[in-house]
Amino acid sequence: MIRTGLAPRQLACFALVGLGVIAMAQTPLRGAEASQVKIENFTFAPKALSVKVGTVVTFENDDDIPHLVVANDGSFRSKALDTGDSYAFTFTKSGEYPYFCALHPHMQGSITVTP
């Protein structure tokens, strides 16, 4: 077995012949689901996202200016996200979570959380 610096929950198995690697198998991550919303060109992508309870949603700013992600009901609020910054929130209750950018209110999105 060769250690490769993979995340602790990942396991890699290598079969070596001579100096070359023939095969690699990797187990999937376990635990909470994860999902991502990209912020780019003054939009949230995807604009609407459906996830299960317990999912961690990460908002990542790929725009060249700051954005601030805020739930309409106040259940989550990021700090100002500069280019390359991200904010993660774990959805622990089912429901609809519309959100917007507090710096650019025309930017809107929605997360639907199901049991």
Protein backbone atom coordinates (compact mmCIF):
# COMPACT_ATOMS: atom_id res chain seq x y z
CA MET A 1 0.00 0.00 0.00
CA ILE A 2 1.26 3.48 -0.87
CA ARG A 3 0.11 6.54 1.05
CA THR A 4 -0.88 9.37 -1.28
CA GLY A 5 -2.07 12.24 0.92
CA LEU A 6 -5.75 11.55 0.21
CA ALA A 7 -8.38 12.75 2.68
CA PRO A 8 -8.64 10.53 5.79
CA ARG A 9 -11.93 9.00 4.68
CA GLN A 10 -10.54 7.96 1.32
CA LEU A 11 -8.67 4.78 0.71
CA ALA A 12 -6.46 4.15 -2.29
CA CYS A 13 -5.06 0.80 -3.28
CA PHE A 14 -2.33 0.56 -5.85
CA ALA A 15 -0.99 -2.42 -7.74
CA LEU A 16 2.57 -1.87 -8.90
CA VAL A 17 4.42 -3.58 -11.68
CA GLY A 18 7.98 -2.37 -12.17
CA LEU A 19 7.77 1.40 -11.75
CA GLY A 20 4.23 1.90 -13.10
CA VAL A 21 0.87 2.00 -11.38
CA ILE A 22 -1.62 -0.44 -12.91
CA ALA A 23 -4.81 0.16 -10.94
CA MET A 24 -6.26 2.38 -8.26
CA ALA A 25 -9.54 1.86 -6.41
CA GLN A 26 -11.06 4.53 -4.20
CA THR A 27 -13.93 4.18 -1.75
CA PRO A 28 -16.60 6.90 -1.70
CA LEU A 29 -16.80 9.41 1.14
CA ARG A 30 -19.24 8.55 3.90
CA GLY A 31 -21.13 10.80 6.27
CA ALA A 32 -22.97 13.99 5.41
CA GLU A 33 -23.86 14.69 1.83
CA ALA A 34 -22.25 17.73 0.22
CA SER A 35 -23.43 20.09 -2.46
CA GLN A 36 -22.10 23.30 -3.97
CA VAL A 37 -23.46 26.60 -5.25
CA LYS A 38 -21.12 28.68 -7.41
CA ILE A 39 -21.35 32.46 -7.41
CA GLU A 40 -20.37 33.74 -10.83
CA ASN A 41 -21.42 36.56 -13.16
CA PHE A 42 -23.76 37.97 -10.47
CA THR A 43 -25.74 34.69 -10.29
CA PHE A 44 -26.04 31.66 -8.06
CA ALA A 45 -25.53 28.42 -9.97
CA PRO A 46 -27.63 26.42 -9.65
CA LYS A 47 -30.33 28.94 -8.86
CA ALA A 48 -32.50 26.21 -7.30
CA LEU A 49 -31.02 23.25 -5.43
CA SER A 50 -32.70 20.27 -3.74
CA VAL A 51 -30.86 18.44 -0.95
CA LYS A 52 -31.59 16.03 1.89
CA VAL A 53 -31.57 16.97 5.59
CA GLY A 54 -27.99 16.89 6.87
CA THR A 55 -26.46 18.10 3.61
CA VAL A 56 -23.63 20.61 3.76
CA VAL A 57 -24.03 23.24 1.04
CA THR A 58 -20.95 25.27 0.17
CA PHE A 59 -21.30 28.64 -1.54
CA GLU A 60 -18.13 29.52 -3.46
CA ASN A 61 -17.46 32.99 -4.89
CA ASP A 62 -15.94 32.76 -8.38
CA ASP A 63 -16.78 36.40 -9.16
CA ASP A 64 -14.18 39.16 -9.08
CA ILE A 65 -16.13 41.18 -6.48
CA PRO A 66 -17.45 40.34 -2.98
CA HIS A 67 -20.85 38.77 -2.33
CA LEU A 68 -22.81 38.02 0.86
CA VAL A 69 -25.17 35.01 1.06
CA VAL A 70 -28.19 35.57 3.34
CA ALA A 71 -31.28 33.40 3.95
CA ASN A 72 -34.55 35.32 3.67
CA ASP A 73 -35.58 33.90 7.07
CA GLY A 74 -32.21 34.70 8.69
CA SER A 75 -31.30 31.03 9.25
CA PHE A 76 -27.88 31.51 7.66
CA ARG A 77 -25.64 34.43 6.71
CA SER A 78 -22.12 34.42 5.33
CA LYS A 79 -19.47 37.03 5.86
CA ALA A 80 -18.53 39.03 2.76
CA LEU A 81 -17.01 36.47 0.39
CA ASP A 82 -14.11 37.74 -1.68
CA THR A 83 -12.98 35.99 -4.87
CA GLY A 84 -12.14 32.38 -4.02
CA ASP A 85 -13.78 32.48 -0.58
CA SER A 86 -16.46 30.00 0.41
CA TYR A 87 -19.16 29.60 3.06
CA ALA A 88 -20.64 26.28 4.16
CA PHE A 89 -23.95 25.67 5.93
CA THR A 90 -25.46 22.38 7.12
CA PHE A 91 -29.22 22.11 6.54
CA THR A 92 -30.66 20.28 9.57
CA LYS A 93 -34.40 20.86 8.94
CA SER A 94 -36.55 20.24 5.90
CA GLY A 95 -38.17 23.21 4.19
CA GLU A 96 -37.68 25.93 1.60
CA TYR A 97 -34.74 28.30 2.07
CA PRO A 98 -34.80 31.22 -0.35
CA TYR A 99 -31.66 33.36 -0.16
CA PHE A 100 -30.06 36.42 -1.78
CA CYS A 101 -26.86 38.43 -1.94
CA ALA A 102 -27.09 41.25 0.61
CA LEU A 103 -24.75 43.38 -1.52
CA HIS A 104 -26.64 42.70 -4.79
CA PRO A 105 -30.28 41.90 -3.86
CA HIS A 106 -31.23 41.01 -7.44
CA MET A 107 -29.10 37.87 -6.99
CA GLN A 108 -31.45 35.22 -5.59
CA GLY A 109 -31.55 31.47 -5.16
CA SER A 110 -33.37 28.75 -3.27
CA ILE A 111 -32.51 25.54 -1.43
CA THR A 112 -35.21 22.90 -0.95
CA VAL A 113 -34.43 20.51 1.90
CA THR A 114 -36.26 17.17 2.09
CA PRO A 115 -36.25 14.46 4.78
